[in-house]
Amino acid sequence: MKFSAEYQALSKLIDKLREKHEKVEEIISEREDYFSEKSGRWQESEAGYNYSEKTEDFEATAGAIENVLDSLEDALSTLEEL
């Protein structure tokens, strides 16, 4: 069977998802830099804690995107084999 249309669609989806993943990783990096530049007092405050929690949410999102990318890339490989 030929799955060229599906292959192309999946490939485009993977590319777009990679772009989103890169953006989330950039946000995480910026947030980590911002956090590390703040005083220890701020880092240990409620505001610092909340900021850190939000950064962890971004990290969880990045991890979820990576998992989806892995699954989609596996599916793409399967389509290549067919």
C-alpha atoms as a PDB file:
ATOM      1  CA  MET A   1       0.000   0.000   0.000  1.00  0.00           C
ATOM      2  CA  LYS A   2       1.058   3.536  -0.604  1.00  0.00           C
ATOM      3  CA  PHE A   3       0.704   6.045   2.170  1.00  0.00           C
ATOM      4  CA  SER A   4       2.469   9.006   0.610  1.00  0.00           C
ATOM      5  CA  ALA A   5      -0.269  11.515   1.497  1.00  0.00           C
ATOM      6  CA  GLU A   6      -0.410  10.255   5.077  1.00  0.00           C
ATOM      7  CA  TYR A   7       3.383  10.236   5.273  1.00  0.00           C
ATOM      8  CA  GLN A   8       3.567  13.859   4.108  1.00  0.00           C
ATOM      9  CA  ALA A   9       0.818  14.962   6.496  1.00  0.00           C
ATOM     10  CA  LEU A  10       2.467  13.215   9.429  1.00  0.00           C
ATOM     11  CA  SER A  11       5.844  14.637   8.489  1.00  0.00           C
ATOM     12  CA  LYS A  12       4.428  18.175   8.438  1.00  0.00           C
ATOM     13  CA  LEU A  13       2.729  17.602  11.788  1.00  0.00           C
ATOM     14  CA  ILE A  14       6.016  16.419  13.295  1.00  0.00           C
ATOM     15  CA  ASP A  15       7.827  19.490  11.965  1.00  0.00           C
ATOM     16  CA  LYS A  16       5.224  21.842  13.457  1.00  0.00           C
ATOM     17  CA  LEU A  17       5.304  19.995  16.764  1.00  0.00           C
ATOM     18  CA  ARG A  18       9.105  20.226  16.847  1.00  0.00           C
ATOM     19  CA  GLU A  19       8.810  23.994  16.378  1.00  0.00           C
ATOM     20  CA  LYS A  20       6.380  24.182  19.298  1.00  0.00           C
ATOM     21  CA  HIS A  21       8.690  22.034  21.407  1.00  0.00           C
ATOM     22  CA  GLU A  22      11.616  24.336  20.643  1.00  0.00           C
ATOM     23  CA  LYS A  23       9.505  27.340  21.664  1.00  0.00           C
ATOM     24  CA  VAL A  24       8.560  25.710  24.972  1.00  0.00           C
ATOM     25  CA  GLU A  25      12.237  24.858  25.582  1.00  0.00           C
ATOM     26  CA  GLU A  26      13.162  28.504  24.922  1.00  0.00           C
ATOM     27  CA  ILE A  27      10.521  29.640  27.420  1.00  0.00           C
ATOM     28  CA  ILE A  28      11.888  27.217  30.008  1.00  0.00           C
ATOM     29  CA  SER A  29      15.430  28.472  29.473  1.00  0.00           C
ATOM     30  CA  GLU A  30      14.343  32.117  29.766  1.00  0.00           C
ATOM     31  CA  ARG A  31      12.356  31.367  32.918  1.00  0.00           C
ATOM     32  CA  GLU A  32      15.311  29.506  34.474  1.00  0.00           C
ATOM     33  CA  ASP A  33      17.635  32.415  33.675  1.00  0.00           C
ATOM     34  CA  TYR A  34      15.177  34.889  35.165  1.00  0.00           C
ATOM     35  CA  PHE A  35      14.751  32.780  38.295  1.00  0.00           C
ATOM     36  CA  SER A  36      18.499  32.366  38.809  1.00  0.00           C
ATOM     37  CA  GLU A  37      19.061  36.123  38.492  1.00  0.00           C
ATOM     38  CA  LYS A  38      16.640  36.839  41.331  1.00  0.00           C
ATOM     39  CA  SER A  39      17.749  37.040  44.935  1.00  0.00           C
ATOM     40  CA  GLY A  40      17.681  33.993  47.160  1.00  0.00           C
ATOM     41  CA  ARG A  41      15.040  35.739  49.234  1.00  0.00           C
ATOM     42  CA  TRP A  42      12.773  36.110  46.211  1.00  0.00           C
ATOM     43  CA  GLN A  43      13.446  32.532  45.082  1.00  0.00           C
ATOM     44  CA  GLU A  44      12.313  31.275  48.481  1.00  0.00           C
ATOM     45  CA  SER A  45       9.263  33.564  48.610  1.00  0.00           C
ATOM     46  CA  GLU A  46       5.762  32.620  47.554  1.00  0.00           C
ATOM     47  CA  ALA A  47       6.266  34.500  44.285  1.00  0.00           C
ATOM     48  CA  GLY A  48       9.451  32.546  43.626  1.00  0.00           C
ATOM     49  CA  TYR A  49       7.752  29.298  44.490  1.00  0.00           C
ATOM     50  CA  ASN A  50       4.833  30.067  42.156  1.00  0.00           C
ATOM     51  CA  TYR A  51       7.219  31.052  39.387  1.00  0.00           C
ATOM     52  CA  SER A  52       9.154  27.832  39.845  1.00  0.00           C
ATOM     53  CA  GLU A  53       5.935  25.790  39.783  1.00  0.00           C
ATOM     54  CA  LYS A  54       4.916  27.409  36.489  1.00  0.00           C
ATOM     55  CA  THR A  55       8.332  26.601  35.034  1.00  0.00           C
ATOM     56  CA  GLU A  56       7.839  22.985  36.103  1.00  0.00           C
ATOM     57  CA  ASP A  57       4.515  23.028  34.266  1.00  0.00           C
ATOM     58  CA  PHE A  58       6.339  24.119  31.113  1.00  0.00           C
ATOM     59  CA  GLU A  59       8.880  21.327  31.654  1.00  0.00           C
ATOM     60  CA  ALA A  60       6.059  18.788  31.954  1.00  0.00           C
ATOM     61  CA  THR A  61       4.551  20.137  28.745  1.00  0.00           C
ATOM     62  CA  ALA A  62       7.902  19.826  26.980  1.00  0.00           C
ATOM     63  CA  GLY A  63       8.175  16.233  28.175  1.00  0.00           C
ATOM     64  CA  ALA A  64       4.676  15.445  26.930  1.00  0.00           C
ATOM     65  CA  ILE A  65       5.470  16.962  23.544  1.00  0.00           C
ATOM     66  CA  GLU A  66       8.642  14.853  23.370  1.00  0.00           C
ATOM     67  CA  ASN A  67       6.611  11.711  24.063  1.00  0.00           C
ATOM     68  CA  VAL A  68       4.131  12.598  21.327  1.00  0.00           C
ATOM     69  CA  LEU A  69       6.987  13.327  18.931  1.00  0.00           C
ATOM     70  CA  ASP A  70       8.530   9.934  19.669  1.00  0.00           C
ATOM     71  CA  SER A  71       5.222   8.197  18.964  1.00  0.00           C
ATOM     72  CA  LEU A  72       4.650  10.144  15.761  1.00  0.00           C
ATOM     73  CA  GLU A  73       8.180   9.433  14.565  1.00  0.00           C
ATOM     74  CA  ASP A  74       7.599   5.726  15.215  1.00  0.00           C
ATOM     75  CA  ALA A  75       4.399   5.934  13.170  1.00  0.00           C
ATOM     76  CA  LEU A  76       6.271   7.717  10.399  1.00  0.00           C
ATOM     77  CA  SER A  77       8.879   4.959  10.354  1.00  0.00           C
ATOM     78  CA  THR A  78       6.106   2.377  10.097  1.00  0.00           C
ATOM     79  CA  LEU A  79       4.619   4.224   7.121  1.00  0.00           C
ATOM     80  CA  GLU A  80       8.049   4.255   5.471  1.00  0.00           C
ATOM     81  CA  GLU A  81       8.240   0.492   5.803  1.00  0.00           C
ATOM     82  CA  LEU A  82       4.848  -0.112   4.180  1.00  0.00           C
END
